[in-house]
Protein backbone atom coordinates (compact mmCIF):
# COMPACT_ATOMS: atom_id res chain seq x y z
CA MET A 1 -30.24 -31.57 -83.45
CA GLY A 2 -30.00 -28.96 -80.78
CA LEU A 3 -26.89 -27.13 -79.73
CA LEU A 4 -25.12 -28.14 -76.47
CA LEU A 5 -23.99 -24.97 -74.76
CA ARG A 6 -20.96 -25.52 -72.50
CA THR A 7 -19.66 -23.22 -69.83
CA ARG A 8 -16.20 -21.86 -70.41
CA CYS A 9 -13.59 -24.00 -68.78
CA VAL A 10 -10.04 -23.17 -67.93
CA HIS A 11 -8.44 -25.39 -70.59
CA HIS A 12 -11.30 -25.36 -73.16
CA GLN A 13 -11.08 -29.11 -73.63
CA ARG A 14 -14.09 -31.27 -74.46
CA GLY A 15 -15.63 -32.91 -71.40
CA GLN A 16 -13.47 -31.07 -68.80
CA PRO A 17 -15.39 -29.43 -65.94
CA ASP A 18 -15.24 -25.71 -65.24
CA VAL A 19 -12.41 -25.89 -62.71
CA GLU A 20 -12.12 -22.15 -62.31
CA SER A 21 -15.76 -21.77 -61.26
CA GLU A 22 -15.64 -24.68 -58.88
CA TYR A 23 -12.43 -23.48 -57.25
CA PHE A 24 -13.84 -20.02 -56.89
CA MET A 25 -16.94 -21.35 -55.10
CA MET A 26 -14.83 -23.60 -52.85
CA ASP A 27 -12.51 -20.72 -51.94
CA PHE A 28 -15.47 -18.49 -51.20
CA LEU A 29 -17.09 -21.07 -48.93
CA HIS A 30 -13.79 -21.80 -47.18
CA ALA A 31 -13.17 -18.12 -46.61
CA LYS A 32 -16.68 -17.66 -45.26
CA TRP A 33 -16.38 -20.53 -42.81
CA TRP A 34 -12.88 -19.48 -41.74
CA LEU A 35 -14.21 -15.99 -41.02
CA ILE A 36 -17.05 -17.40 -38.93
CA ALA A 37 -14.63 -19.67 -37.08
CA LEU A 38 -12.21 -16.80 -36.45
CA GLN A 39 -14.97 -14.59 -35.07
CA THR A 40 -16.06 -17.42 -32.76
CA ILE A 41 -12.51 -17.98 -31.51
CA VAL A 42 -12.03 -14.26 -30.81
CA ALA A 43 -15.35 -14.07 -28.97
CA ILE A 44 -14.38 -17.03 -26.79
CA ALA A 45 -10.77 -16.04 -26.28
CA ALA A 46 -11.35 -12.41 -25.30
CA PRO A 47 -12.97 -13.09 -21.91
CA ALA A 48 -10.64 -16.04 -21.35
CA HIS A 49 -7.62 -13.76 -21.84
CA ALA A 50 -9.04 -11.24 -19.39
CA GLN A 51 -9.31 -13.99 -16.78
CA THR A 52 -5.73 -15.24 -17.06
CA PHE A 53 -4.47 -12.82 -14.39
CA PRO A 54 -2.85 -13.82 -12.17
CA SER A 55 -1.13 -16.54 -14.16
CA LYS A 56 1.89 -17.15 -11.90
CA THR A 57 3.26 -16.53 -8.40
CA ILE A 58 2.61 -13.07 -6.96
CA ARG A 59 5.41 -11.46 -4.96
CA ILE A 60 4.75 -8.90 -2.23
CA ILE A 61 7.93 -7.00 -1.35
CA VAL A 62 8.29 -5.73 2.21
CA PRO A 63 11.18 -3.22 2.37
CA TYR A 64 11.79 -3.98 6.07
CA PRO A 65 12.93 -7.00 8.12
CA PRO A 66 10.42 -9.67 9.20
CA GLY A 67 8.19 -8.69 12.10
CA GLY A 68 6.41 -5.39 12.66
CA SER A 69 3.16 -4.03 11.35
CA ILE A 70 4.12 -3.85 7.66
CA ASP A 71 5.35 -7.44 7.55
CA LEU A 72 2.28 -8.66 9.43
CA THR A 73 -0.08 -6.85 7.04
CA ALA A 74 1.74 -8.26 4.02
CA ARG A 75 1.44 -11.82 5.33
CA VAL A 76 -2.27 -11.47 6.08
CA ILE A 77 -2.81 -10.21 2.53
CA ALA A 78 -0.61 -12.93 1.01
CA LYS A 79 -2.37 -15.79 2.79
CA ASN A 80 -5.88 -14.68 1.86
CA LEU A 81 -4.99 -13.53 -1.66
CA GLN A 82 -3.46 -16.92 -2.39
CA ASP A 83 -6.63 -18.66 -1.27
CA SER A 84 -8.73 -16.34 -3.42
CA VAL A 85 -6.85 -16.32 -6.74
CA GLY A 86 -5.48 -19.87 -6.74
CA GLN A 87 -1.86 -18.82 -7.30
CA SER A 88 1.04 -18.81 -4.85
CA VAL A 89 1.63 -15.48 -3.12
CA VAL A 90 4.98 -15.01 -1.38
CA VAL A 91 6.32 -12.26 0.87
CA GLU A 92 9.89 -11.14 0.21
CA ASN A 93 11.64 -9.01 2.84
CA LYS A 94 14.17 -6.63 1.26
CA PRO A 95 15.26 -4.24 4.03
CA GLY A 96 17.73 -1.40 3.75
CA GLY A 97 18.17 2.11 2.47
CA ASN A 98 15.16 3.45 4.35
CA ALA A 99 12.92 1.27 2.13
CA ALA A 100 14.77 2.27 -1.07
CA ILE A 101 16.18 -1.23 -1.71
CA GLY A 102 12.74 -2.83 -1.67
CA ILE A 103 11.20 -0.08 -3.79
CA GLU A 104 13.97 -0.32 -6.39
CA ALA A 105 13.41 -4.10 -6.57
CA LEU A 106 9.73 -3.39 -7.27
CA LEU A 107 10.53 -0.89 -10.00
CA ARG A 108 12.94 -3.31 -11.72
CA SER A 109 10.22 -5.97 -11.96
CA ASP A 110 7.91 -6.55 -14.93
CA PRO A 111 4.87 -4.26 -14.63
CA ASP A 112 2.42 -7.13 -15.06
CA GLY A 113 0.74 -7.08 -11.65
CA HIS A 114 2.64 -10.10 -10.33
CA THR A 115 5.13 -8.05 -8.25
CA LEU A 116 3.81 -5.67 -5.61
CA ALA A 117 5.13 -3.84 -2.57
CA ILE A 118 3.52 -2.81 0.68
CA LEU A 119 4.75 0.57 1.89
CA SER A 120 4.14 2.97 4.73
CA ASP A 121 3.62 6.66 4.12
CA SER A 122 7.25 7.64 4.90
CA PRO A 123 9.01 6.35 1.74
CA VAL A 124 6.12 7.54 -0.42
CA THR A 125 5.41 11.04 0.90
CA ILE A 126 8.32 12.09 3.16
CA ASN A 127 11.68 10.70 2.05
CA VAL A 128 11.60 12.58 -1.24
CA HIS A 129 11.77 15.85 0.73
CA LEU A 130 14.75 14.70 2.81
CA ALA A 131 17.11 12.98 0.41
CA ARG A 132 17.85 12.40 -3.27
CA LEU A 133 16.00 9.24 -4.35
CA ASN A 134 16.43 6.95 -7.34
CA TYR A 135 12.68 6.95 -7.86
CA ASP A 136 9.81 9.44 -8.01
CA PRO A 137 7.07 8.18 -5.67
CA LEU A 138 4.39 10.22 -7.45
CA THR A 139 5.06 8.79 -10.90
CA ASP A 140 6.91 5.48 -10.45
CA LEU A 141 4.55 3.91 -7.91
CA VAL A 142 1.02 2.89 -8.88
CA PRO A 143 -1.30 2.80 -5.84
CA ILE A 144 -3.55 -0.25 -5.71
CA SER A 145 -5.28 0.29 -2.37
CA ARG A 146 -4.71 1.36 1.17
CA ALA A 147 -4.45 -1.83 3.19
CA VAL A 148 -4.76 -0.55 6.75
CA SER A 149 -4.64 2.61 8.77
CA SER A 150 -1.89 2.47 11.37
CA PRO A 151 -2.82 4.90 14.15
CA ILE A 152 -0.02 6.91 15.75
CA ILE A 153 -0.17 6.94 19.55
CA LEU A 154 1.29 9.56 21.88
CA ALA A 155 2.48 7.60 24.90
CA ALA A 156 4.50 8.24 28.06
CA ASN A 157 6.34 6.13 30.58
CA ALA A 158 3.98 5.26 33.43
CA LYS A 159 6.38 6.74 35.98
CA ALA A 160 7.18 9.95 34.09
CA GLY A 161 4.36 11.92 35.69
CA ILE A 162 2.78 12.69 32.29
CA ALA A 163 -0.74 11.33 32.20
CA SER A 164 -2.44 14.04 30.13
CA ILE A 165 -1.80 16.77 27.57
CA ALA A 166 -1.86 19.32 30.42
CA ASP A 167 0.89 17.35 32.20
CA LEU A 168 2.93 17.28 28.99
CA ILE A 169 2.70 21.04 28.50
CA ALA A 170 3.65 21.69 32.13
CA ALA A 171 6.60 19.29 32.00
CA ALA A 172 7.93 20.74 28.73
CA LYS A 173 7.79 24.29 30.12
CA THR A 174 9.48 23.29 33.36
CA LYS A 175 12.51 21.39 32.02
CA PRO A 176 13.99 20.15 28.73
CA LEU A 177 11.93 17.22 27.51
CA SER A 178 12.91 14.57 24.99
CA TYR A 179 10.78 12.17 22.99
CA ALA A 180 11.50 8.94 21.12
CA VAL A 181 10.73 8.32 17.45
CA ALA A 182 11.21 5.25 15.28
CA ALA A 183 13.49 7.16 12.91
CA ARG A 184 14.37 10.71 12.02
CA GLY A 185 12.04 11.87 9.27
CA SER A 186 9.43 9.21 9.98
CA VAL A 187 5.73 10.04 10.15
CA SER A 188 5.85 9.83 13.95
CA HIS A 189 8.73 12.32 13.98
CA LEU A 190 6.86 14.80 11.79
CA ALA A 191 3.71 14.25 13.85
CA ALA A 192 5.71 15.24 16.94
CA GLU A 193 6.90 18.40 15.17
CA LEU A 194 3.30 19.31 14.38
CA LEU A 195 2.24 18.55 17.95
CA GLN A 196 4.86 20.89 19.39
CA ARG A 197 3.60 23.68 17.16
CA GLU A 198 0.03 23.09 18.27
CA LEU A 199 0.96 23.05 21.97
CA GLY A 200 3.52 25.86 21.83
CA ILE A 201 6.29 23.77 23.37
CA THR A 202 9.74 22.57 22.33
CA MET A 203 11.08 19.02 22.76
CA GLN A 204 14.18 17.17 21.60
CA ALA A 205 13.80 14.21 19.25
CA VAL A 206 15.69 11.01 20.08
CA PRO A 207 15.63 8.76 16.98
CA TYR A 208 15.91 4.97 17.25
CA ARG A 209 16.34 2.24 14.66
CA GLY A 210 12.70 1.26 14.42
CA GLY A 211 9.51 1.36 16.44
CA ALA A 212 10.35 -1.63 18.65
CA PRO A 213 13.60 -0.16 20.10
CA ALA A 214 11.87 3.18 20.63
CA ALA A 215 8.99 1.48 22.48
CA VAL A 216 11.48 -0.36 24.72
CA ALA A 217 13.16 2.96 25.51
CA ILE A 218 9.86 4.42 26.67
CA ALA A 219 8.90 1.34 28.69
CA SER A 220 12.27 1.35 30.48
CA GLY A 221 12.16 5.08 31.21
CA GLU A 222 15.19 5.88 29.06
CA VAL A 223 13.03 8.52 27.33
CA PRO A 224 9.85 9.86 28.97
CA LEU A 225 7.49 9.83 25.96
CA GLY A 226 7.15 9.40 22.22
CA LEU A 227 4.87 8.83 19.25
CA PHE A 228 4.56 5.31 17.87
CA ASP A 229 2.62 3.11 15.51
CA THR A 230 0.26 0.87 17.41
CA ALA A 231 1.99 -2.45 16.66
CA ALA A 232 5.15 -1.28 18.45
CA ILE A 233 3.66 0.29 21.57
CA LEU A 234 0.44 -1.69 22.15
CA PRO A 235 2.13 -4.50 24.15
CA MET A 236 3.78 -1.92 26.44
CA ILE A 237 0.42 -0.23 27.04
CA GLY A 238 -1.18 -3.58 27.80
CA GLY A 239 1.63 -4.41 30.22
CA GLY A 240 1.16 -1.18 32.17
CA GLN A 241 4.66 0.21 31.61
CA VAL A 242 3.33 2.90 29.28
CA ILE A 243 0.32 5.27 29.37
CA ALA A 244 -1.45 6.18 26.12
CA LEU A 245 -2.32 9.90 26.01
CA GLY A 246 -4.18 9.74 22.70
CA VAL A 247 -4.26 8.60 19.09
CA ALA A 248 -3.54 10.98 16.23
CA GLU A 249 -6.53 9.85 14.15
CA PRO A 250 -9.72 11.84 13.53
CA ALA A 251 -11.76 9.15 15.33
CA ARG A 252 -11.07 6.57 18.00
CA SER A 253 -9.42 3.35 16.91
CA ARG A 254 -11.62 0.26 16.59
CA SER A 255 -8.85 -1.79 18.18
CA MET A 256 -8.33 0.69 21.07
CA PRO A 257 -11.73 2.30 21.70
CA ASP A 258 -10.81 3.32 25.26
CA ILE A 259 -7.96 5.57 24.13
CA PRO A 260 -9.19 9.09 23.25
CA THR A 261 -8.14 10.92 20.12
CA LEU A 262 -5.64 13.72 20.69
CA ARG A 263 -8.41 16.11 19.68
CA GLU A 264 -10.50 14.79 22.55
CA ALA A 265 -7.47 14.87 24.85
CA GLY A 266 -6.92 18.59 24.37
CA VAL A 267 -5.29 19.23 20.97
CA PRO A 268 -8.36 20.30 18.95
CA ASN A 269 -6.71 20.86 15.57
CA PHE A 270 -4.43 17.84 15.58
CA SER A 271 -4.81 14.80 13.34
CA VAL A 272 -2.13 12.75 11.56
CA PRO A 273 -3.63 9.67 9.91
CA SER A 274 -1.00 7.08 9.02
CA TRP A 275 -1.38 4.22 6.54
CA LEU A 276 0.08 1.18 4.83
CA ALA A 277 -0.76 0.68 1.15
CA LEU A 278 -0.13 -1.75 -1.68
CA PHE A 279 1.70 -0.55 -4.80
CA ALA A 280 2.64 -1.82 -8.27
CA PRO A 281 5.35 -0.47 -10.59
CA ARG A 282 4.60 2.15 -13.21
CA GLY A 283 3.16 0.63 -16.38
CA THR A 284 1.01 -1.99 -14.67
CA PRO A 285 -2.21 -2.38 -16.74
CA ASP A 286 -5.26 -0.65 -15.30
CA ASP A 287 -7.41 -3.77 -15.45
CA ARG A 288 -4.94 -5.64 -13.25
CA VAL A 289 -4.85 -2.78 -10.75
CA VAL A 290 -8.66 -2.95 -10.62
CA THR A 291 -8.55 -6.72 -10.07
CA LEU A 292 -6.03 -6.42 -7.23
CA ASN A 293 -7.98 -3.54 -5.67
CA ALA A 294 -11.11 -5.72 -5.55
CA GLU A 295 -9.12 -8.53 -3.92
CA ILE A 296 -7.81 -6.20 -1.18
CA ALA A 297 -11.34 -4.99 -0.46
CA LYS A 298 -12.49 -8.60 -0.24
CA ILE A 299 -9.70 -9.48 2.23
CA ALA A 300 -10.44 -6.40 4.36
CA ALA A 301 -14.01 -7.64 4.80
CA MET A 302 -12.96 -11.11 5.99
CA PRO A 303 -13.56 -11.58 9.75
CA LYS A 304 -10.46 -13.76 10.16
CA ALA A 305 -8.23 -11.12 8.53
CA GLN A 306 -9.82 -8.33 10.57
CA LYS A 307 -9.22 -10.24 13.79
CA VAL A 308 -5.49 -10.59 13.18
CA LEU A 309 -5.02 -6.99 12.07
CA LEU A 310 -7.13 -5.38 14.80
CA ALA A 311 -5.26 -7.37 17.45
CA ALA A 312 -2.12 -5.56 16.28
CA GLY A 313 -3.85 -2.18 16.31
CA LEU A 314 -4.16 -2.08 12.51
CA GLU A 315 -7.51 -1.18 10.99
CA PRO A 316 -8.51 -2.55 7.56
CA ALA A 317 -9.17 0.51 5.40
CA PRO A 318 -9.30 -0.29 1.68
CA ASN A 319 -9.99 2.45 -0.83
CA SER A 320 -9.90 3.03 -4.59
CA PRO A 321 -6.65 3.66 -6.49
CA SER A 322 -7.78 7.21 -7.29
CA GLU A 323 -8.63 7.95 -3.66
CA MET A 324 -5.26 6.56 -2.55
CA ARG A 325 -3.58 8.78 -5.11
CA ARG A 326 -5.34 11.85 -3.67
CA ILE A 327 -4.18 10.93 -0.15
CA ILE A 328 -0.60 10.51 -1.32
CA GLU A 329 -0.59 13.86 -3.10
CA ALA A 330 -2.09 15.65 -0.06
CA ASP A 331 0.39 14.05 2.36
CA HIS A 332 3.28 14.78 0.00
CA LYS A 333 2.35 18.47 0.00
CA ARG A 334 1.69 18.63 3.75
CA TRP A 335 4.98 17.03 4.79
CA GLY A 336 6.97 18.96 2.21
CA GLN A 337 5.71 22.25 3.62
CA LEU A 338 6.48 21.19 7.20
CA ILE A 339 9.98 19.97 6.36
CA GLN A 340 10.74 23.20 4.58
CA ALA A 341 9.41 25.25 7.50
CA THR A 342 11.35 23.32 10.15
CA GLY A 343 14.56 22.84 8.17
CA LEU A 344 14.48 19.14 9.03
CA ARG A 345 17.19 17.05 7.39
CA ALA A 346 17.81 13.32 7.12
CA GLU A 347 20.46 11.77 9.35
């Protein structure tokens, strides 16, 4: 009679299976299949997670009242962005404090890419040199993309007898001359300060509460000339009450090709590009900034968006976040030096 060799079992009882070995094999197989399943889930979920932005309504804060070039640009972006990403995009006007109220609302929001603000150059590169702010524009604001360039136009009342740069120089040297600006410390105001230096003349600034009131003052003859963003003064030029002497851009505007640059008009070293850009709060993930940047570039290439913007004298001009950052830093330095040299102060 041969010997029956039995494997060691847990309880060492006759006829009982080796439970320990079986459980070990089952646990091993379970662990193996769970590992495979987990790896599969991670592989599937990773790209899905990256595609969940945006996952809710996007807000675009406009730190000014409805109407005007900034509000118009925000609404063009909102409409087309909503169609592209499949989420609601709303524009919220939060005026006051020379844009500070809207910017502070942006900075209090979650930095998840769902709250943005559209800003002009003034609150980003100028205001910090004129007043104590509750934010640092160079560190607290994350540039997404320039949205449009907003050419500054030097314009005069049609009956003021100033139809050229030569006329302006002669008039300023003959009698005291005043000029209108949208606000003290605005880009148009600083552009006028630079222009006076280039031409060797002195004029008196007359600040108004926005571009529209300043444009009305020029059209009525209350003030003989001024520098304006295109959205404010373009209707007055079209109506014949105002003459455009030149745009402060390096090249002629696509929306106003008949108006020469100020360099062409007789101020060879003069150029003051002005812009509107989209920003997110500090801490917004880089991948979401990249996604939003691509969406702005896509909107800028849309013929229907271009038509609306160009009609208002605004030129679609998207760029990369890093390029926008370089522009901000250069403008910040340029305006800071001019403000220090002129002793300009906020009202």
